[in-house]
Amino acid sequence: MILMPNCFVDEGIKHPDKVINKLNKGSLIKGYYIVSLNEESGRFEIISSRMFLQKYFKEREYKVSALLKTKEDAFEYIRCLSELSYGKFNDFNPREIIKSVDKEEIAAIFDKENE
């Protein structure tokens, strides 16, 4: 599992690198969700940290585009990405929006919606 350079991290998560390292080692960490772009299907995946206890999830490689505390925040993150994608490309293009968006753009929409 690799944190992407423009990875969006929830404000409540103090050390995202430590969380990712623990997940890579297979340690049980409750209450985290990662959002990853599945390269094969071109779709976003929301994966609970509990799933990384299973062999299938440990063996796959993930490029983490967001690390969040709740499932609702993960869905809100994807909604923000789709809003930005339709604004920039007039279409939902997950690969391009992940490459072109920066954390501040997502944070502006994300924080506005959570107020």
N, C-alpha and C. Protein backbone atom coordinates (compact mmCIF):
# COMPACT_ATOMS: atom_id res chain seq x y z
N MET A 1 0.85 -1.16 0.00
CA MET A 1 0.00 0.00 0.00
C MET A 1 0.90 1.24 0.00
N ILE A 2 0.59 2.14 -0.88
CA ILE A 2 1.41 3.34 -1.06
C ILE A 2 0.52 4.57 -0.97
N LEU A 3 0.94 5.57 -0.21
CA LEU A 3 0.23 6.84 -0.18
C LEU A 3 0.61 7.61 -1.43
N MET A 4 -0.38 8.03 -2.20
CA MET A 4 -0.12 8.83 -3.39
C MET A 4 0.37 10.22 -2.95
N PRO A 5 1.13 10.90 -3.79
CA PRO A 5 1.68 12.21 -3.40
C PRO A 5 0.60 13.23 -3.02
N ASN A 6 -0.55 13.19 -3.68
CA ASN A 6 -1.62 14.14 -3.37
C ASN A 6 -2.72 13.49 -2.52
N CYS A 7 -2.33 12.53 -1.68
CA CYS A 7 -3.28 11.80 -0.85
C CYS A 7 -4.00 12.74 0.11
N PHE A 8 -5.33 12.61 0.15
CA PHE A 8 -6.16 13.40 1.07
C PHE A 8 -6.25 12.65 2.38
N VAL A 9 -5.84 13.29 3.47
CA VAL A 9 -5.85 12.66 4.79
C VAL A 9 -6.79 13.45 5.70
N ASP A 10 -7.66 12.72 6.38
CA ASP A 10 -8.59 13.32 7.32
C ASP A 10 -7.81 14.10 8.38
N GLU A 11 -8.33 15.26 8.79
CA GLU A 11 -7.64 16.10 9.77
C GLU A 11 -7.40 15.39 11.10
N GLY A 12 -8.25 14.43 11.44
CA GLY A 12 -8.11 13.72 12.71
C GLY A 12 -7.01 12.68 12.74
N ILE A 13 -6.40 12.41 11.60
CA ILE A 13 -5.33 11.41 11.53
C ILE A 13 -3.99 12.13 11.60
N LYS A 14 -3.30 11.91 12.70
CA LYS A 14 -2.05 12.65 12.96
C LYS A 14 -0.86 12.11 12.16
N HIS A 15 -0.73 10.78 12.07
CA HIS A 15 0.43 10.18 11.41
C HIS A 15 -0.02 9.16 10.37
N PRO A 16 -0.38 9.63 9.17
CA PRO A 16 -0.88 8.70 8.14
C PRO A 16 0.14 7.64 7.73
N ASP A 17 1.43 7.98 7.73
CA ASP A 17 2.44 7.00 7.36
C ASP A 17 2.47 5.82 8.33
N LYS A 18 2.28 6.11 9.61
CA LYS A 18 2.26 5.04 10.61
C LYS A 18 1.04 4.14 10.42
N VAL A 19 -0.09 4.72 10.09
CA VAL A 19 -1.30 3.93 9.85
C VAL A 19 -1.08 3.01 8.66
N ILE A 20 -0.53 3.52 7.58
CA ILE A 20 -0.27 2.71 6.38
C ILE A 20 0.74 1.61 6.68
N ASN A 21 1.79 1.93 7.45
CA ASN A 21 2.78 0.90 7.80
C ASN A 21 2.14 -0.22 8.61
N LYS A 22 1.28 0.13 9.55
CA LYS A 22 0.60 -0.90 10.35
C LYS A 22 -0.32 -1.74 9.48
N LEU A 23 -1.02 -1.12 8.56
CA LEU A 23 -1.89 -1.87 7.66
C LEU A 23 -1.07 -2.81 6.77
N ASN A 24 0.08 -2.35 6.30
CA ASN A 24 0.95 -3.19 5.48
C ASN A 24 1.48 -4.40 6.25
N LYS A 25 1.68 -4.21 7.55
CA LYS A 25 2.17 -5.31 8.39
C LYS A 25 1.06 -6.27 8.78
N GLY A 26 -0.20 -5.89 8.57
CA GLY A 26 -1.31 -6.75 8.92
C GLY A 26 -1.82 -6.55 10.33
N SER A 27 -1.46 -5.44 10.96
CA SER A 27 -1.95 -5.15 12.31
C SER A 27 -3.41 -4.71 12.24
N LEU A 28 -4.16 -5.07 13.27
CA LEU A 28 -5.56 -4.66 13.32
C LEU A 28 -5.64 -3.21 13.79
N ILE A 29 -6.18 -2.38 12.93
CA ILE A 29 -6.43 -0.98 13.26
C ILE A 29 -7.88 -0.73 12.95
N LYS A 30 -8.64 -0.34 13.95
CA LYS A 30 -10.06 -0.10 13.74
C LYS A 30 -10.30 1.36 13.39
N GLY A 31 -11.32 1.57 12.59
CA GLY A 31 -11.80 2.93 12.37
C GLY A 31 -11.13 3.73 11.29
N TYR A 32 -10.49 3.09 10.34
CA TYR A 32 -9.91 3.81 9.21
C TYR A 32 -10.46 3.24 7.92
N TYR A 33 -10.55 4.10 6.93
CA TYR A 33 -11.00 3.70 5.60
C TYR A 33 -10.04 4.28 4.58
N ILE A 34 -9.67 3.46 3.61
CA ILE A 34 -8.85 3.98 2.52
C ILE A 34 -9.70 4.03 1.27
N VAL A 35 -9.38 4.98 0.42
CA VAL A 35 -9.99 5.06 -0.91
C VAL A 35 -8.85 4.87 -1.89
N SER A 36 -9.05 3.89 -2.77
CA SER A 36 -8.03 3.54 -3.75
C SER A 36 -8.68 3.43 -5.12
N LEU A 37 -7.94 3.78 -6.14
CA LEU A 37 -8.42 3.62 -7.51
C LEU A 37 -7.97 2.27 -8.03
N ASN A 38 -8.92 1.43 -8.39
CA ASN A 38 -8.62 0.12 -8.97
C ASN A 38 -8.21 0.35 -10.41
N GLU A 39 -6.96 0.07 -10.72
CA GLU A 39 -6.43 0.33 -12.06
C GLU A 39 -7.10 -0.52 -13.14
N GLU A 40 -7.50 -1.72 -12.80
CA GLU A 40 -8.11 -2.61 -13.79
C GLU A 40 -9.49 -2.14 -14.21
N SER A 41 -10.32 -1.82 -13.21
CA SER A 41 -11.71 -1.44 -13.52
C SER A 41 -11.89 0.07 -13.69
N GLY A 42 -10.95 0.86 -13.17
CA GLY A 42 -11.09 2.31 -13.25
C GLY A 42 -12.11 2.85 -12.25
N ARG A 43 -12.38 2.09 -11.21
CA ARG A 43 -13.36 2.49 -10.19
C ARG A 43 -12.67 2.69 -8.85
N PHE A 44 -13.30 3.53 -8.03
CA PHE A 44 -12.80 3.72 -6.68
C PHE A 44 -13.25 2.59 -5.78
N GLU A 45 -12.39 2.22 -4.84
CA GLU A 45 -12.71 1.22 -3.84
C GLU A 45 -12.61 1.88 -2.48
N ILE A 46 -13.58 1.61 -1.63
CA ILE A 46 -13.54 2.02 -0.23
C ILE A 46 -13.29 0.76 0.57
N ILE A 47 -12.19 0.75 1.30
CA ILE A 47 -11.79 -0.46 2.02
C ILE A 47 -11.57 -0.13 3.49
N SER A 48 -12.24 -0.88 4.34
CA SER A 48 -12.08 -0.73 5.79
C SER A 48 -10.72 -1.29 6.20
N SER A 49 -10.12 -0.69 7.22
CA SER A 49 -8.83 -1.18 7.71
C SER A 49 -8.94 -2.60 8.24
N ARG A 50 -10.10 -3.01 8.67
CA ARG A 50 -10.29 -4.38 9.17
C ARG A 50 -10.11 -5.41 8.07
N MET A 51 -10.34 -5.03 6.83
CA MET A 51 -10.24 -5.97 5.72
C MET A 51 -8.79 -6.43 5.50
N PHE A 52 -7.83 -5.66 5.97
CA PHE A 52 -6.43 -6.00 5.73
C PHE A 52 -5.93 -7.14 6.62
N LEU A 53 -6.80 -7.70 7.44
CA LEU A 53 -6.46 -8.93 8.15
C LEU A 53 -6.59 -10.13 7.23
N GLN A 54 -7.32 -9.97 6.14
CA GLN A 54 -7.53 -11.06 5.19
C GLN A 54 -6.36 -11.13 4.20
N LYS A 55 -6.00 -12.34 3.86
CA LYS A 55 -4.86 -12.58 2.99
C LYS A 55 -5.03 -11.90 1.62
N TYR A 56 -6.24 -11.96 1.07
CA TYR A 56 -6.51 -11.38 -0.25
C TYR A 56 -6.14 -9.89 -0.28
N PHE A 57 -6.50 -9.15 0.73
CA PHE A 57 -6.24 -7.71 0.75
C PHE A 57 -4.77 -7.40 1.02
N LYS A 58 -4.10 -8.25 1.80
CA LYS A 58 -2.68 -8.04 2.08
C LYS A 58 -1.83 -8.21 0.83
N GLU A 59 -2.24 -9.13 -0.04
CA GLU A 59 -1.43 -9.45 -1.21
C GLU A 59 -1.57 -8.45 -2.35
N ARG A 60 -2.64 -7.68 -2.37
CA ARG A 60 -2.83 -6.70 -3.44
C ARG A 60 -2.10 -5.40 -3.10
N GLU A 61 -1.73 -4.68 -4.14
CA GLU A 61 -1.09 -3.39 -3.94
C GLU A 61 -2.11 -2.28 -4.18
N TYR A 62 -2.16 -1.34 -3.29
CA TYR A 62 -3.11 -0.24 -3.38
C TYR A 62 -2.36 1.08 -3.43
N LYS A 63 -2.85 1.97 -4.28
CA LYS A 63 -2.37 3.35 -4.29
C LYS A 63 -3.46 4.15 -3.60
N VAL A 64 -3.15 4.59 -2.39
CA VAL A 64 -4.14 5.23 -1.54
C VAL A 64 -4.29 6.69 -1.91
N SER A 65 -5.51 7.07 -2.33
CA SER A 65 -5.77 8.46 -2.68
C SER A 65 -6.41 9.21 -1.51
N ALA A 66 -6.93 8.47 -0.52
CA ALA A 66 -7.50 9.12 0.67
C ALA A 66 -7.45 8.16 1.85
N LEU A 67 -7.20 8.71 3.02
CA LEU A 67 -7.22 7.98 4.27
C LEU A 67 -8.16 8.74 5.19
N LEU A 68 -9.27 8.08 5.56
CA LEU A 68 -10.33 8.77 6.28
C LEU A 68 -10.76 7.99 7.52
N LYS A 69 -11.49 8.66 8.42
CA LYS A 69 -11.91 8.04 9.68
C LYS A 69 -13.24 7.33 9.60
N THR A 70 -14.14 7.73 8.72
CA THR A 70 -15.47 7.11 8.66
C THR A 70 -15.83 6.74 7.23
N LYS A 71 -16.75 5.81 7.11
CA LYS A 71 -17.23 5.40 5.79
C LYS A 71 -17.97 6.55 5.12
N GLU A 72 -18.71 7.33 5.90
CA GLU A 72 -19.44 8.47 5.35
C GLU A 72 -18.47 9.48 4.74
N ASP A 73 -17.33 9.70 5.40
CA ASP A 73 -16.33 10.62 4.85
C ASP A 73 -15.74 10.07 3.56
N ALA A 74 -15.58 8.76 3.48
CA ALA A 74 -15.06 8.15 2.26
C ALA A 74 -16.02 8.37 1.09
N PHE A 75 -17.32 8.19 1.35
CA PHE A 75 -18.31 8.45 0.30
C PHE A 75 -18.34 9.94 -0.07
N GLU A 76 -18.20 10.80 0.93
CA GLU A 76 -18.18 12.24 0.67
C GLU A 76 -16.95 12.62 -0.17
N TYR A 77 -15.82 11.99 0.11
CA TYR A 77 -14.60 12.23 -0.67
C TYR A 77 -14.83 11.89 -2.14
N ILE A 78 -15.42 10.74 -2.40
CA ILE A 78 -15.68 10.33 -3.78
C ILE A 78 -16.68 11.27 -4.44
N ARG A 79 -17.67 11.74 -3.68
CA ARG A 79 -18.62 12.70 -4.22
C ARG A 79 -17.90 14.00 -4.61
N CYS A 80 -16.97 14.44 -3.78
CA CYS A 80 -16.19 15.65 -4.07
C CYS A 80 -15.36 15.46 -5.34
N LEU A 81 -14.75 14.28 -5.47
CA LEU A 81 -13.97 14.01 -6.68
C LEU A 81 -14.84 14.03 -7.92
N SER A 82 -16.04 13.45 -7.81
CA SER A 82 -16.92 13.44 -8.98
C SER A 82 -17.37 14.85 -9.33
N GLU A 83 -17.62 15.68 -8.33
CA GLU A 83 -17.99 17.08 -8.58
C GLU A 83 -16.86 17.81 -9.29
N LEU A 84 -15.63 17.61 -8.82
CA LEU A 84 -14.47 18.25 -9.47
C LEU A 84 -14.26 17.71 -10.88
N SER A 85 -14.45 16.42 -11.06
CA SER A 85 -14.27 15.81 -12.37
C SER A 85 -15.27 16.35 -13.38
N TYR A 86 -16.52 16.44 -12.99
CA TYR A 86 -17.53 16.98 -13.91
C TYR A 86 -17.28 18.46 -14.20
N GLY A 87 -16.74 19.18 -13.21
CA GLY A 87 -16.40 20.59 -13.44
C GLY A 87 -15.25 20.78 -14.41
N LYS A 88 -14.26 19.89 -14.35
CA LYS A 88 -13.07 20.03 -15.20
C LYS A 88 -13.21 19.34 -16.55
N PHE A 89 -13.82 18.15 -16.56
CA PHE A 89 -13.82 17.33 -17.77
C PHE A 89 -15.22 17.10 -18.36
N ASN A 90 -16.26 17.59 -17.72
CA ASN A 90 -17.64 17.33 -18.12
C ASN A 90 -17.94 15.83 -18.20
N ASP A 91 -17.23 15.06 -17.40
CA ASP A 91 -17.39 13.62 -17.36
C ASP A 91 -16.71 13.13 -16.08
N PHE A 92 -17.09 11.94 -15.63
CA PHE A 92 -16.41 11.36 -14.48
C PHE A 92 -15.24 10.54 -14.98
N ASN A 93 -14.06 11.08 -14.78
CA ASN A 93 -12.83 10.45 -15.24
C ASN A 93 -11.92 10.24 -14.03
N PRO A 94 -12.05 9.09 -13.33
CA PRO A 94 -11.31 8.88 -12.08
C PRO A 94 -9.80 8.98 -12.22
N ARG A 95 -9.23 8.39 -13.26
CA ARG A 95 -7.77 8.41 -13.40
C ARG A 95 -7.24 9.83 -13.56
N GLU A 96 -7.89 10.61 -14.39
CA GLU A 96 -7.42 11.98 -14.64
C GLU A 96 -7.64 12.90 -13.44
N ILE A 97 -8.75 12.73 -12.76
CA ILE A 97 -9.03 13.62 -11.63
C ILE A 97 -8.06 13.34 -10.48
N ILE A 98 -7.69 12.09 -10.27
CA ILE A 98 -6.73 11.75 -9.22
C ILE A 98 -5.37 12.38 -9.53
N LYS A 99 -4.98 12.39 -10.79
CA LYS A 99 -3.69 12.96 -11.18
C LYS A 99 -3.68 14.48 -11.10
N SER A 100 -4.82 15.11 -11.43
CA SER A 100 -4.82 16.57 -11.59
C SER A 100 -5.31 17.34 -10.36
N VAL A 101 -5.99 16.70 -9.45
CA VAL A 101 -6.55 17.43 -8.31
C VAL A 101 -5.52 17.53 -7.18
N ASP A 102 -5.58 18.60 -6.44
CA ASP A 102 -4.72 18.70 -5.27
C ASP A 102 -5.57 18.71 -4.00
N LYS A 103 -4.91 18.48 -2.88
CA LYS A 103 -5.60 18.32 -1.59
C LYS A 103 -6.43 19.54 -1.22
N GLU A 104 -5.95 20.71 -1.56
CA GLU A 104 -6.66 21.93 -1.18
C GLU A 104 -8.01 22.05 -1.88
N GLU A 105 -8.08 21.65 -3.14
CA GLU A 105 -9.36 21.68 -3.87
C GLU A 105 -10.38 20.76 -3.22
N ILE A 106 -9.94 19.56 -2.87
CA ILE A 106 -10.85 18.61 -2.23
C ILE A 106 -11.24 19.10 -0.84
N ALA A 107 -10.26 19.60 -0.09
CA ALA A 107 -10.53 20.07 1.27
C ALA A 107 -11.54 21.21 1.26
N ALA A 108 -11.46 22.10 0.27
CA ALA A 108 -12.39 23.21 0.21
C ALA A 108 -13.83 22.72 0.04
N ILE A 109 -14.05 21.76 -0.84
CA ILE A 109 -15.39 21.22 -1.04
C ILE A 109 -15.80 20.36 0.16
N PHE A 110 -14.88 19.53 0.62
CA PHE A 110 -15.14 18.59 1.71
C PHE A 110 -15.54 19.33 2.99
N ASP A 111 -14.77 20.36 3.34
CA ASP A 111 -15.06 21.12 4.56
C ASP A 111 -16.35 21.91 4.43
N LYS A 112 -16.62 22.45 3.23
CA LYS A 112 -17.85 23.22 3.01
C LYS A 112 -19.07 22.33 3.21
N GLU A 113 -19.03 21.10 2.74
CA GLU A 113 -20.16 20.18 2.84
C GLU A 113 -20.35 19.65 4.27
N ASN A 114 -19.27 19.57 5.04
CA ASN A 114 -19.35 19.03 6.39
C ASN A 114 -19.69 20.09 7.44
N GLU A 115 -19.86 21.33 7.04
CA GLU A 115 -20.21 22.39 8.00
C GLU A 115 -21.66 22.31 8.41
